[in-house]
Amino acid sequence: MTPDQFISRIYRESSQVTLANFPCWSLDLLQQVISFDGAIWGTGHTSTQAFHTQASVDVDQKIFSRLKDTLNINPIFAQLMLNPSSPVDMADVINDDDFYQSDIYQQCFQPFGIERILSSIHIDDRSGIFTLLTLYRYDRQHTFSSHEKAIQQQLLFHLLSASSHRQFLALKETFLESTATPNPQDKYAICDSAGIYHAVEAGFLDIIECYTNTQQGQKFPFAIKNHDCSYNEGSLHINLAKLGDLYRISIRLKNQLDDLTDREKQVVAGICQGNTFKQIAKQLALSPSTVSNHLYRIYLKLGINSRSELVSLVKPSV
């Protein structure tokens, strides 16, 4: 497979691959362009240097914990940090004679049969998220060529771009499966309980930086509430949902409808579906007169006078 064919497939077919399978699927494709015996793809955050996601092809996943445990003696790490997004060959960092006698080789790589290492790291300075892609060869004589390094550098950008696209497709899919109402202006992120980003859309950071006075510091600047909720922070509207131990957050500029109570929003939804007062009352276990009173207050809050105005106001935000 040529690099151009790889790029075409990684974008064209990524939406057909589940998010969980995407890294291994991508590495399998990459193996058809650059020959390697094993590979890893991990993401994490610079504040902890821990891996949030781990994927490997033809190498034991224990390599991730071994890499973290031996980080302080790994000579390739400092070089990667000096040259983010550029492939670094271990052979260019330390000569073979020294490497094969070193503690890092004997403790981290030799147990897995790894003899040659070509690694790249990408760091998003705004979010603090890093992505590590490393290719391994088990034959010491099979060195990585300059041409292969150039190809890896070229394809890394497209791997990350396609991965980000697939990631946020999945985020929006989970949002649509929830009870929350999606909005075209919503931008998404995944955080842990400390607000450290695990995945973040560029537009999400743009909104945070433009409409808050807080120093972002590579983390979500507001407190993470331990339950599903929607709330306003200044000029921003935030929707938060638990995803296991993590949280999916959507954010956008607040609009008039965000100041309505949850009950008022339920009435608005019924009106926009074309239901009568009686139908809405039955759905919400209220009396028709109570629904009418809610609608009256909604009109006052929004500065409108009719159902048609309400529907016109709501439709652009759906």
C-alpha atoms as a PDB file:
ATOM      1  CA  MET A   1       0.000   0.000   0.000  1.00  0.00           C
ATOM      2  CA  THR A   2       1.303   3.476  -0.842  1.00  0.00           C
ATOM      3  CA  PRO A   3       1.161   6.388   1.642  1.00  0.00           C
ATOM      4  CA  ASP A   4      -1.517   8.075  -0.499  1.00  0.00           C
ATOM      5  CA  GLN A   5      -3.661   4.938  -0.446  1.00  0.00           C
ATOM      6  CA  PHE A   6      -3.241   4.754   3.336  1.00  0.00           C
ATOM      7  CA  ILE A   7      -4.350   8.390   3.741  1.00  0.00           C
ATOM      8  CA  SER A   8      -7.399   7.793   1.544  1.00  0.00           C
ATOM      9  CA  ARG A   9      -8.484   4.713   3.486  1.00  0.00           C
ATOM     10  CA  ILE A  10      -7.871   6.164   6.943  1.00  0.00           C
ATOM     11  CA  TYR A  11     -10.330   8.976   6.237  1.00  0.00           C
ATOM     12  CA  ARG A  12     -12.791   7.108   4.025  1.00  0.00           C
ATOM     13  CA  GLU A  13     -13.260   4.039   6.210  1.00  0.00           C
ATOM     14  CA  SER A  14     -12.711   5.355   9.743  1.00  0.00           C
ATOM     15  CA  SER A  15     -16.417   6.009  10.395  1.00  0.00           C
ATOM     16  CA  GLN A  16     -17.113   2.307   9.779  1.00  0.00           C
ATOM     17  CA  VAL A  17     -14.719   1.252  12.553  1.00  0.00           C
ATOM     18  CA  THR A  18     -15.678   1.389  16.228  1.00  0.00           C
ATOM     19  CA  LEU A  19     -13.786   3.862  18.359  1.00  0.00           C
ATOM     20  CA  ALA A  20     -12.347   1.048  20.494  1.00  0.00           C
ATOM     21  CA  ASN A  21     -11.007  -0.775  17.428  1.00  0.00           C
ATOM     22  CA  PHE A  22      -9.737   2.321  15.613  1.00  0.00           C
ATOM     23  CA  PRO A  23      -6.113   2.339  16.904  1.00  0.00           C
ATOM     24  CA  CYS A  24      -5.470  -1.353  16.107  1.00  0.00           C
ATOM     25  CA  TRP A  25      -7.249  -1.045  12.758  1.00  0.00           C
ATOM     26  CA  SER A  26      -5.078   1.974  11.920  1.00  0.00           C
ATOM     27  CA  LEU A  27      -1.886   0.202  12.952  1.00  0.00           C
ATOM     28  CA  ASP A  28      -2.824  -2.800  10.807  1.00  0.00           C
ATOM     29  CA  LEU A  29      -3.173  -0.410   7.850  1.00  0.00           C
ATOM     30  CA  LEU A  30       0.108   1.305   8.686  1.00  0.00           C
ATOM     31  CA  GLN A  31       1.861  -2.070   8.706  1.00  0.00           C
ATOM     32  CA  GLN A  32       1.008  -2.348   5.014  1.00  0.00           C
ATOM     33  CA  VAL A  33       3.003   0.836   4.357  1.00  0.00           C
ATOM     34  CA  ILE A  34       5.904   0.493   6.810  1.00  0.00           C
ATOM     35  CA  SER A  35       7.171  -2.934   7.811  1.00  0.00           C
ATOM     36  CA  PHE A  36       7.178  -3.511  11.574  1.00  0.00           C
ATOM     37  CA  ASP A  37       6.726  -6.477  13.905  1.00  0.00           C
ATOM     38  CA  GLY A  38       4.842  -4.779  16.727  1.00  0.00           C
ATOM     39  CA  ALA A  39       3.454  -1.358  17.570  1.00  0.00           C
ATOM     40  CA  ILE A  40       1.788   0.624  20.325  1.00  0.00           C
ATOM     41  CA  TRP A  41      -0.542   3.622  20.289  1.00  0.00           C
ATOM     42  CA  GLY A  42      -1.262   5.340  23.596  1.00  0.00           C
ATOM     43  CA  THR A  43      -2.775   8.624  24.698  1.00  0.00           C
ATOM     44  CA  GLY A  44      -2.453  10.402  28.017  1.00  0.00           C
ATOM     45  CA  HIS A  45      -1.972  13.761  29.695  1.00  0.00           C
ATOM     46  CA  THR A  46       1.294  15.577  30.292  1.00  0.00           C
ATOM     47  CA  SER A  47       0.315  16.469  33.860  1.00  0.00           C
ATOM     48  CA  THR A  48       0.370  12.811  34.914  1.00  0.00           C
ATOM     49  CA  GLN A  49       2.444  11.176  32.127  1.00  0.00           C
ATOM     50  CA  ALA A  50       0.036   8.251  32.507  1.00  0.00           C
ATOM     51  CA  PHE A  51      -1.663   6.504  29.616  1.00  0.00           C
ATOM     52  CA  HIS A  52      -5.412   7.025  29.329  1.00  0.00           C
ATOM     53  CA  THR A  53      -5.791   4.677  26.345  1.00  0.00           C
ATOM     54  CA  GLN A  54      -3.562   1.804  25.293  1.00  0.00           C
ATOM     55  CA  ALA A  55      -3.577  -0.158  22.040  1.00  0.00           C
ATOM     56  CA  SER A  56      -0.988  -2.619  20.809  1.00  0.00           C
ATOM     57  CA  VAL A  57      -0.442  -4.827  17.782  1.00  0.00           C
ATOM     58  CA  ASP A  58       1.707  -7.960  18.157  1.00  0.00           C
ATOM     59  CA  VAL A  59       3.327  -6.803  21.404  1.00  0.00           C
ATOM     60  CA  ASP A  60       2.200  -7.517  24.958  1.00  0.00           C
ATOM     61  CA  GLN A  61       0.237  -4.637  26.541  1.00  0.00           C
ATOM     62  CA  LYS A  62       2.484  -4.937  29.590  1.00  0.00           C
ATOM     63  CA  ILE A  63       4.902  -2.814  27.561  1.00  0.00           C
ATOM     64  CA  PHE A  64       2.910   0.280  28.598  1.00  0.00           C
ATOM     65  CA  SER A  65       3.488  -0.195  32.321  1.00  0.00           C
ATOM     66  CA  ARG A  66       7.119  -1.112  31.673  1.00  0.00           C
ATOM     67  CA  LEU A  67       7.619   2.078  29.675  1.00  0.00           C
ATOM     68  CA  LYS A  68       6.176   4.175  32.496  1.00  0.00           C
ATOM     69  CA  ASP A  69       8.293   2.404  35.140  1.00  0.00           C
ATOM     70  CA  THR A  70      11.514   2.962  33.186  1.00  0.00           C
ATOM     71  CA  LEU A  71      10.788   6.470  31.930  1.00  0.00           C
ATOM     72  CA  ASN A  72      13.654   8.023  33.907  1.00  0.00           C
ATOM     73  CA  ILE A  73      16.266   5.811  32.218  1.00  0.00           C
ATOM     74  CA  ASN A  74      14.804   5.838  28.700  1.00  0.00           C
ATOM     75  CA  PRO A  75      17.094   7.986  26.503  1.00  0.00           C
ATOM     76  CA  ILE A  76      14.544   8.284  23.700  1.00  0.00           C
ATOM     77  CA  PHE A  77      12.027  10.108  25.902  1.00  0.00           C
ATOM     78  CA  ALA A  78      13.994  13.369  26.227  1.00  0.00           C
ATOM     79  CA  GLN A  79      14.613  13.364  22.475  1.00  0.00           C
ATOM     80  CA  LEU A  80      10.912  12.877  21.780  1.00  0.00           C
ATOM     81  CA  MET A  81      10.045  15.850  23.993  1.00  0.00           C
ATOM     82  CA  LEU A  82      12.578  17.991  22.114  1.00  0.00           C
ATOM     83  CA  ASN A  83      11.185  16.880  18.753  1.00  0.00           C
ATOM     84  CA  PRO A  84       7.428  16.375  19.140  1.00  0.00           C
ATOM     85  CA  SER A  85       5.682  14.970  16.052  1.00  0.00           C
ATOM     86  CA  SER A  86       9.043  13.899  14.580  1.00  0.00           C
ATOM     87  CA  PRO A  87       9.972  10.177  14.502  1.00  0.00           C
ATOM     88  CA  VAL A  88      12.956   9.344  16.698  1.00  0.00           C
ATOM     89  CA  ASP A  89      14.986   6.183  16.129  1.00  0.00           C
ATOM     90  CA  MET A  90      16.585   4.748  19.252  1.00  0.00           C
ATOM     91  CA  ALA A  91      19.684   4.043  17.146  1.00  0.00           C
ATOM     92  CA  ASP A  92      20.060   7.797  16.543  1.00  0.00           C
ATOM     93  CA  VAL A  93      19.907   8.523  20.277  1.00  0.00           C
ATOM     94  CA  ILE A  94      22.303   5.881  21.603  1.00  0.00           C
ATOM     95  CA  ASN A  95      24.740   3.699  19.690  1.00  0.00           C
ATOM     96  CA  ASP A  96      23.924   0.012  19.409  1.00  0.00           C
ATOM     97  CA  ASP A  97      26.803  -1.226  21.561  1.00  0.00           C
ATOM     98  CA  ASP A  98      25.711   0.942  24.486  1.00  0.00           C
ATOM     99  CA  PHE A  99      21.991   0.348  23.961  1.00  0.00           C
ATOM    100  CA  TYR A 100      22.162  -3.451  24.000  1.00  0.00           C
ATOM    101  CA  GLN A 101      24.163  -3.329  27.234  1.00  0.00           C
ATOM    102  CA  SER A 102      21.905  -0.719  28.855  1.00  0.00           C
ATOM    103  CA  ASP A 103      19.392  -1.104  31.673  1.00  0.00           C
ATOM    104  CA  ILE A 104      16.596   0.288  29.500  1.00  0.00           C
ATOM    105  CA  TYR A 105      17.124  -2.439  26.914  1.00  0.00           C
ATOM    106  CA  GLN A 106      17.385  -5.243  29.459  1.00  0.00           C
ATOM    107  CA  GLN A 107      14.484  -4.075  31.642  1.00  0.00           C
ATOM    108  CA  CYS A 108      12.041  -2.701  29.102  1.00  0.00           C
ATOM    109  CA  PHE A 109      12.664  -3.963  25.581  1.00  0.00           C
ATOM    110  CA  GLN A 110      14.571  -7.260  25.649  1.00  0.00           C
ATOM    111  CA  PRO A 111      11.782  -9.052  27.635  1.00  0.00           C
ATOM    112  CA  PHE A 112       9.418  -8.336  24.733  1.00  0.00           C
ATOM    113  CA  GLY A 113      11.910  -9.280  22.004  1.00  0.00           C
ATOM    114  CA  ILE A 114      12.206  -5.659  20.844  1.00  0.00           C
ATOM    115  CA  GLU A 115      15.442  -4.815  19.031  1.00  0.00           C
ATOM    116  CA  ARG A 116      14.637  -1.711  16.950  1.00  0.00           C
ATOM    117  CA  ILE A 117      12.465   1.263  17.993  1.00  0.00           C
ATOM    118  CA  LEU A 118      10.982   4.121  15.975  1.00  0.00           C
ATOM    119  CA  SER A 119       8.843   6.405  18.124  1.00  0.00           C
ATOM    120  CA  SER A 120       6.817   9.613  17.732  1.00  0.00           C
ATOM    121  CA  ILE A 121       4.968  11.742  20.237  1.00  0.00           C
ATOM    122  CA  HIS A 122       2.434  14.449  19.520  1.00  0.00           C
ATOM    123  CA  ILE A 123       1.564  16.928  22.277  1.00  0.00           C
ATOM    124  CA  ASP A 124      -1.387  19.307  22.137  1.00  0.00           C
ATOM    125  CA  ASP A 125      -0.121  22.303  24.093  1.00  0.00           C
ATOM    126  CA  ARG A 126      -3.626  23.678  24.669  1.00  0.00           C
ATOM    127  CA  SER A 127      -5.193  20.544  26.153  1.00  0.00           C
ATOM    128  CA  GLY A 128      -2.075  18.787  27.468  1.00  0.00           C
ATOM    129  CA  ILE A 129      -3.074  15.549  25.698  1.00  0.00           C
ATOM    130  CA  PHE A 130      -0.233  13.507  24.206  1.00  0.00           C
ATOM    131  CA  THR A 131      -0.336  10.681  21.678  1.00  0.00           C
ATOM    132  CA  LEU A 132       2.521   8.179  21.485  1.00  0.00           C
ATOM    133  CA  LEU A 133       3.033   6.014  18.399  1.00  0.00           C
ATOM    134  CA  THR A 134       5.930   3.546  18.441  1.00  0.00           C
ATOM    135  CA  LEU A 135       6.919   0.905  15.905  1.00  0.00           C
ATOM    136  CA  TYR A 136       9.049  -2.092  16.921  1.00  0.00           C
ATOM    137  CA  ARG A 137      11.157  -4.625  15.051  1.00  0.00           C
ATOM    138  CA  TYR A 138      12.297  -7.914  16.545  1.00  0.00           C
ATOM    139  CA  ASP A 139      15.231  -8.427  14.148  1.00  0.00           C
ATOM    140  CA  ARG A 140      18.279  -6.411  15.198  1.00  0.00           C
ATOM    141  CA  GLN A 141      19.568  -6.372  11.631  1.00  0.00           C
ATOM    142  CA  HIS A 142      16.333  -4.847  10.298  1.00  0.00           C
ATOM    143  CA  THR A 143      16.996  -1.142  10.917  1.00  0.00           C
ATOM    144  CA  PHE A 144      14.576   1.687  10.115  1.00  0.00           C
ATOM    145  CA  SER A 145      15.570   3.650   7.007  1.00  0.00           C
ATOM    146  CA  SER A 146      15.428   7.418   6.532  1.00  0.00           C
ATOM    147  CA  HIS A 147      12.647   6.891   3.994  1.00  0.00           C
ATOM    148  CA  GLU A 148      10.556   4.954   6.524  1.00  0.00           C
ATOM    149  CA  LYS A 149      11.056   7.684   9.116  1.00  0.00           C
ATOM    150  CA  ALA A 150       9.853  10.291   6.614  1.00  0.00           C
ATOM    151  CA  ILE A 151       6.779   8.196   5.838  1.00  0.00           C
ATOM    152  CA  GLN A 152       5.930   7.797   9.524  1.00  0.00           C
ATOM    153  CA  GLN A 153       6.182  11.555  10.025  1.00  0.00           C
ATOM    154  CA  GLN A 154       3.920  12.164   7.021  1.00  0.00           C
ATOM    155  CA  LEU A 155       1.299   9.652   8.103  1.00  0.00           C
ATOM    156  CA  LEU A 156       1.282  10.581  11.809  1.00  0.00           C
ATOM    157  CA  PHE A 157      -0.608  13.796  11.063  1.00  0.00           C
ATOM    158  CA  HIS A 158      -3.298  11.902   9.168  1.00  0.00           C
ATOM    159  CA  LEU A 159      -3.535   9.194  11.832  1.00  0.00           C
ATOM    160  CA  LEU A 160      -4.164  11.809  14.506  1.00  0.00           C
ATOM    161  CA  SER A 161      -6.596  13.772  12.354  1.00  0.00           C
ATOM    162  CA  ALA A 162      -8.663  10.696  11.474  1.00  0.00           C
ATOM    163  CA  SER A 163      -8.548   9.510  15.084  1.00  0.00           C
ATOM    164  CA  SER A 164      -9.818  12.866  16.358  1.00  0.00           C
ATOM    165  CA  HIS A 165     -12.633  12.835  13.806  1.00  0.00           C
ATOM    166  CA  ARG A 166     -13.680   9.309  14.823  1.00  0.00           C
ATOM    167  CA  GLN A 167     -13.455  10.192  18.485  1.00  0.00           C
ATOM    168  CA  PHE A 168     -15.860  13.091  18.231  1.00  0.00           C
ATOM    169  CA  LEU A 169     -18.224  11.204  15.986  1.00  0.00           C
ATOM    170  CA  ALA A 170     -18.498   8.717  18.854  1.00  0.00           C
ATOM    171  CA  LEU A 171     -18.987  11.518  21.373  1.00  0.00           C
ATOM    172  CA  LYS A 172     -21.843  12.975  19.371  1.00  0.00           C
ATOM    173  CA  GLU A 173     -23.345   9.528  18.897  1.00  0.00           C
ATOM    174  CA  THR A 174     -23.433   8.980  22.666  1.00  0.00           C
ATOM    175  CA  PHE A 175     -24.951  12.435  23.089  1.00  0.00           C
ATOM    176  CA  LEU A 176     -27.738  11.612  20.659  1.00  0.00           C
ATOM    177  CA  GLU A 177     -28.419   8.389  22.580  1.00  0.00           C
ATOM    178  CA  SER A 178     -28.888  10.354  25.810  1.00  0.00           C
ATOM    179  CA  THR A 179     -31.965  12.271  26.934  1.00  0.00           C
ATOM    180  CA  ALA A 180     -30.269  15.641  26.387  1.00  0.00           C
ATOM    181  CA  THR A 181     -31.172  17.783  23.398  1.00  0.00           C
ATOM    182  CA  PRO A 182     -28.216  18.207  21.009  1.00  0.00           C
ATOM    183  CA  ASN A 183     -27.347  21.615  19.612  1.00  0.00           C
ATOM    184  CA  PRO A 184     -25.298  22.284  16.463  1.00  0.00           C
ATOM    185  CA  GLN A 185     -23.202  24.797  18.422  1.00  0.00           C
ATOM    186  CA  ASP A 186     -22.176  22.215  21.042  1.00  0.00           C
ATOM    187  CA  LYS A 187     -18.463  21.424  21.292  1.00  0.00           C
ATOM    188  CA  TYR A 188     -17.298  18.369  23.190  1.00  0.00           C
ATOM    189  CA  ALA A 189     -14.659  17.086  25.587  1.00  0.00           C
ATOM    190  CA  ILE A 190     -14.065  14.113  27.864  1.00  0.00           C
ATOM    191  CA  CYS A 191     -12.568  14.804  31.314  1.00  0.00           C
ATOM    192  CA  ASP A 192     -11.897  12.931  34.505  1.00  0.00           C
ATOM    193  CA  SER A 193     -13.205  14.083  37.891  1.00  0.00           C
ATOM    194  CA  ALA A 194     -10.239  16.451  38.260  1.00  0.00           C
ATOM    195  CA  GLY A 195     -11.080  18.148  34.955  1.00  0.00           C
ATOM    196  CA  ILE A 196      -8.040  16.718  33.147  1.00  0.00           C
ATOM    197  CA  TYR A 197      -8.809  16.254  29.477  1.00  0.00           C
ATOM    198  CA  HIS A 198      -8.834  12.799  27.946  1.00  0.00           C
ATOM    199  CA  ALA A 199     -10.186  14.055  24.612  1.00  0.00           C
ATOM    200  CA  VAL A 200     -11.107  17.557  23.549  1.00  0.00           C
ATOM    201  CA  GLU A 201     -12.425  19.297  20.453  1.00  0.00           C
ATOM    202  CA  ALA A 202     -10.507  22.399  19.342  1.00  0.00           C
ATOM    203  CA  GLY A 203     -13.732  24.412  19.249  1.00  0.00           C
ATOM    204  CA  PHE A 204     -14.344  23.495  22.902  1.00  0.00           C
ATOM    205  CA  LEU A 205     -11.071  25.128  23.917  1.00  0.00           C
ATOM    206  CA  ASP A 206     -11.822  28.166  21.727  1.00  0.00           C
ATOM    207  CA  ILE A 207     -15.055  28.776  23.653  1.00  0.00           C
ATOM    208  CA  ILE A 208     -13.387  28.262  27.037  1.00  0.00           C
ATOM    209  CA  GLU A 209     -10.599  30.683  26.205  1.00  0.00           C
ATOM    210  CA  CYS A 210     -12.843  33.354  24.659  1.00  0.00           C
ATOM    211  CA  TYR A 211     -15.626  33.466  27.216  1.00  0.00           C
ATOM    212  CA  THR A 212     -13.995  32.824  30.589  1.00  0.00           C
ATOM    213  CA  ASN A 213     -11.587  34.906  32.617  1.00  0.00           C
ATOM    214  CA  THR A 214     -10.029  31.852  34.221  1.00  0.00           C
ATOM    215  CA  GLN A 215      -6.580  30.544  33.390  1.00  0.00           C
ATOM    216  CA  GLN A 216      -7.354  27.314  31.598  1.00  0.00           C
ATOM    217  CA  GLY A 217      -4.132  25.488  32.478  1.00  0.00           C
ATOM    218  CA  GLN A 218      -4.838  22.443  30.283  1.00  0.00           C
ATOM    219  CA  LYS A 219      -7.910  21.416  32.289  1.00  0.00           C
ATOM    220  CA  PHE A 220     -11.618  22.159  32.476  1.00  0.00           C
ATOM    221  CA  PRO A 221     -11.886  25.386  34.515  1.00  0.00           C
ATOM    222  CA  PHE A 222     -15.183  24.623  36.285  1.00  0.00           C
ATOM    223  CA  ALA A 223     -15.989  22.088  38.995  1.00  0.00           C
ATOM    224  CA  ILE A 224     -17.096  18.666  37.724  1.00  0.00           C
ATOM    225  CA  LYS A 225     -20.475  17.775  39.222  1.00  0.00           C
ATOM    226  CA  ASN A 226     -20.864  14.112  40.124  1.00  0.00           C
ATOM    227  CA  HIS A 227     -24.126  13.607  38.210  1.00  0.00           C
ATOM    228  CA  ASP A 228     -25.711  14.228  34.821  1.00  0.00           C
ATOM    229  CA  CYS A 229     -26.816  17.850  34.563  1.00  0.00           C
ATOM    230  CA  SER A 230     -27.137  20.980  32.471  1.00  0.00           C
ATOM    231  CA  TYR A 231     -26.192  24.352  33.910  1.00  0.00           C
ATOM    232  CA  ASN A 232     -25.001  27.842  33.029  1.00  0.00           C
ATOM    233  CA  GLU A 233     -21.629  29.378  33.886  1.00  0.00           C
ATOM    234  CA  GLY A 234     -21.670  33.070  33.000  1.00  0.00           C
ATOM    235  CA  SER A 235     -22.357  33.287  29.275  1.00  0.00           C
ATOM    236  CA  LEU A 236     -21.808  29.550  28.759  1.00  0.00           C
ATOM    237  CA  HIS A 237     -24.233  26.618  28.775  1.00  0.00           C
ATOM    238  CA  ILE A 238     -22.724  23.311  29.895  1.00  0.00           C
ATOM    239  CA  ASN A 239     -24.126  19.803  29.610  1.00  0.00           C
ATOM    240  CA  LEU A 240     -22.391  17.099  31.644  1.00  0.00           C
ATOM    241  CA  ALA A 241     -22.948  13.331  31.550  1.00  0.00           C
ATOM    242  CA  LYS A 242     -21.091  10.514  33.310  1.00  0.00           C
ATOM    243  CA  LEU A 243     -19.297   7.957  31.128  1.00  0.00           C
ATOM    244  CA  GLY A 244     -18.139   5.368  33.654  1.00  0.00           C
ATOM    245  CA  ASP A 245     -15.324   7.037  35.593  1.00  0.00           C
ATOM    246  CA  LEU A 246     -15.155   9.882  33.052  1.00  0.00           C
ATOM    247  CA  TYR A 247     -17.442  12.738  32.040  1.00  0.00           C
ATOM    248  CA  ARG A 248     -18.648  13.884  28.648  1.00  0.00           C
ATOM    249  CA  ILE A 249     -19.006  17.659  28.532  1.00  0.00           C
ATOM    250  CA  SER A 250     -20.628  19.751  25.843  1.00  0.00           C
ATOM    251  CA  ILE A 251     -20.353  23.529  25.883  1.00  0.00           C
ATOM    252  CA  ARG A 252     -21.733  26.436  23.891  1.00  0.00           C
ATOM    253  CA  LEU A 253     -22.819  30.042  24.321  1.00  0.00           C
ATOM    254  CA  LYS A 254     -25.957  30.366  26.408  1.00  0.00           C
ATOM    255  CA  ASN A 255     -29.214  31.312  24.661  1.00  0.00           C
ATOM    256  CA  GLN A 256     -32.612  32.507  25.945  1.00  0.00           C
ATOM    257  CA  LEU A 257     -33.973  28.979  26.262  1.00  0.00           C
ATOM    258  CA  ASP A 258     -31.236  27.977  28.694  1.00  0.00           C
ATOM    259  CA  ASP A 259     -32.759  30.254  31.348  1.00  0.00           C
ATOM    260  CA  LEU A 260     -36.015  28.285  31.346  1.00  0.00           C
ATOM    261  CA  THR A 261     -36.688  25.787  34.142  1.00  0.00           C
ATOM    262  CA  ASP A 262     -36.624  22.059  33.362  1.00  0.00           C
ATOM    263  CA  ARG A 263     -40.441  21.961  33.523  1.00  0.00           C
ATOM    264  CA  GLU A 264     -40.704  24.928  31.174  1.00  0.00           C
ATOM    265  CA  LYS A 265     -38.352  23.206  28.746  1.00  0.00           C
ATOM    266  CA  GLN A 266     -40.614  20.127  28.820  1.00  0.00           C
ATOM    267  CA  VAL A 267     -43.596  22.307  27.957  1.00  0.00           C
ATOM    268  CA  VAL A 268     -41.639  23.946  25.127  1.00  0.00           C
ATOM    269  CA  ALA A 269     -40.740  20.489  23.756  1.00  0.00           C
ATOM    270  CA  GLY A 270     -44.423  19.514  23.780  1.00  0.00           C
ATOM    271  CA  ILE A 271     -45.459  22.715  22.017  1.00  0.00           C
ATOM    272  CA  CYS A 272     -42.797  22.253  19.349  1.00  0.00           C
ATOM    273  CA  GLN A 273     -44.071  18.710  18.744  1.00  0.00           C
ATOM    274  CA  GLY A 274     -47.495  20.208  17.963  1.00  0.00           C
ATOM    275  CA  ASN A 275     -49.218  18.822  21.053  1.00  0.00           C
ATOM    276  CA  THR A 276     -52.264  20.397  22.696  1.00  0.00           C
ATOM    277  CA  PHE A 277     -52.416  21.566  26.319  1.00  0.00           C
ATOM    278  CA  LYS A 278     -54.312  18.379  27.193  1.00  0.00           C
ATOM    279  CA  GLN A 279     -51.702  16.145  25.530  1.00  0.00           C
ATOM    280  CA  ILE A 280     -48.825  17.939  27.230  1.00  0.00           C
ATOM    281  CA  ALA A 281     -50.646  17.852  30.565  1.00  0.00           C
ATOM    282  CA  LYS A 282     -51.151  14.093  30.266  1.00  0.00           C
ATOM    283  CA  GLN A 283     -47.482  13.506  29.395  1.00  0.00           C
ATOM    284  CA  LEU A 284     -46.273  15.617  32.343  1.00  0.00           C
ATOM    285  CA  ALA A 285     -48.979  14.593  34.831  1.00  0.00           C
ATOM    286  CA  LEU A 286     -50.189  18.178  35.128  1.00  0.00           C
ATOM    287  CA  SER A 287     -53.503  19.917  34.639  1.00  0.00           C
ATOM    288  CA  PRO A 288     -54.102  21.777  31.326  1.00  0.00           C
ATOM    289  CA  SER A 289     -54.390  25.057  33.267  1.00  0.00           C
ATOM    290  CA  THR A 290     -50.940  24.499  34.800  1.00  0.00           C
ATOM    291  CA  VAL A 291     -49.487  23.927  31.328  1.00  0.00           C
ATOM    292  CA  SER A 292     -51.153  27.137  30.195  1.00  0.00           C
ATOM    293  CA  ASN A 293     -49.592  29.019  33.126  1.00  0.00           C
ATOM    294  CA  HIS A 294     -46.166  27.620  32.307  1.00  0.00           C
ATOM    295  CA  LEU A 295     -46.558  28.733  28.704  1.00  0.00           C
ATOM    296  CA  TYR A 296     -47.566  32.230  29.804  1.00  0.00           C
ATOM    297  CA  ARG A 297     -44.390  32.559  31.898  1.00  0.00           C
ATOM    298  CA  ILE A 298     -42.332  31.167  29.007  1.00  0.00           C
ATOM    299  CA  TYR A 299     -43.699  33.884  26.717  1.00  0.00           C
ATOM    300  CA  LEU A 300     -42.791  36.544  29.276  1.00  0.00           C
ATOM    301  CA  LYS A 301     -39.226  35.221  29.708  1.00  0.00           C
ATOM    302  CA  LEU A 302     -38.613  34.970  25.968  1.00  0.00           C
ATOM    303  CA  GLY A 303     -40.408  38.211  24.997  1.00  0.00           C
ATOM    304  CA  ILE A 304     -42.779  36.490  22.561  1.00  0.00           C
ATOM    305  CA  ASN A 305     -46.544  36.206  22.194  1.00  0.00           C
ATOM    306  CA  SER A 306     -47.407  33.076  20.202  1.00  0.00           C
ATOM    307  CA  ARG A 307     -46.709  29.404  19.576  1.00  0.00           C
ATOM    308  CA  SER A 308     -45.366  30.191  16.119  1.00  0.00           C
ATOM    309  CA  GLU A 309     -42.796  32.600  17.586  1.00  0.00           C
ATOM    310  CA  LEU A 310     -41.791  29.972  20.127  1.00  0.00           C
ATOM    311  CA  VAL A 311     -41.293  27.309  17.470  1.00  0.00           C
ATOM    312  CA  SER A 312     -39.290  29.744  15.319  1.00  0.00           C
ATOM    313  CA  LEU A 313     -37.072  30.548  18.309  1.00  0.00           C
ATOM    314  CA  VAL A 314     -36.496  26.898  19.208  1.00  0.00           C
ATOM    315  CA  LYS A 315     -35.892  25.371  15.794  1.00  0.00           C
ATOM    316  CA  PRO A 316     -32.511  27.036  15.083  1.00  0.00           C
ATOM    317  CA  SER A 317     -31.175  25.705  18.416  1.00  0.00           C
ATOM    318  CA  VAL A 318     -32.238  22.069  17.857  1.00  0.00           C
END
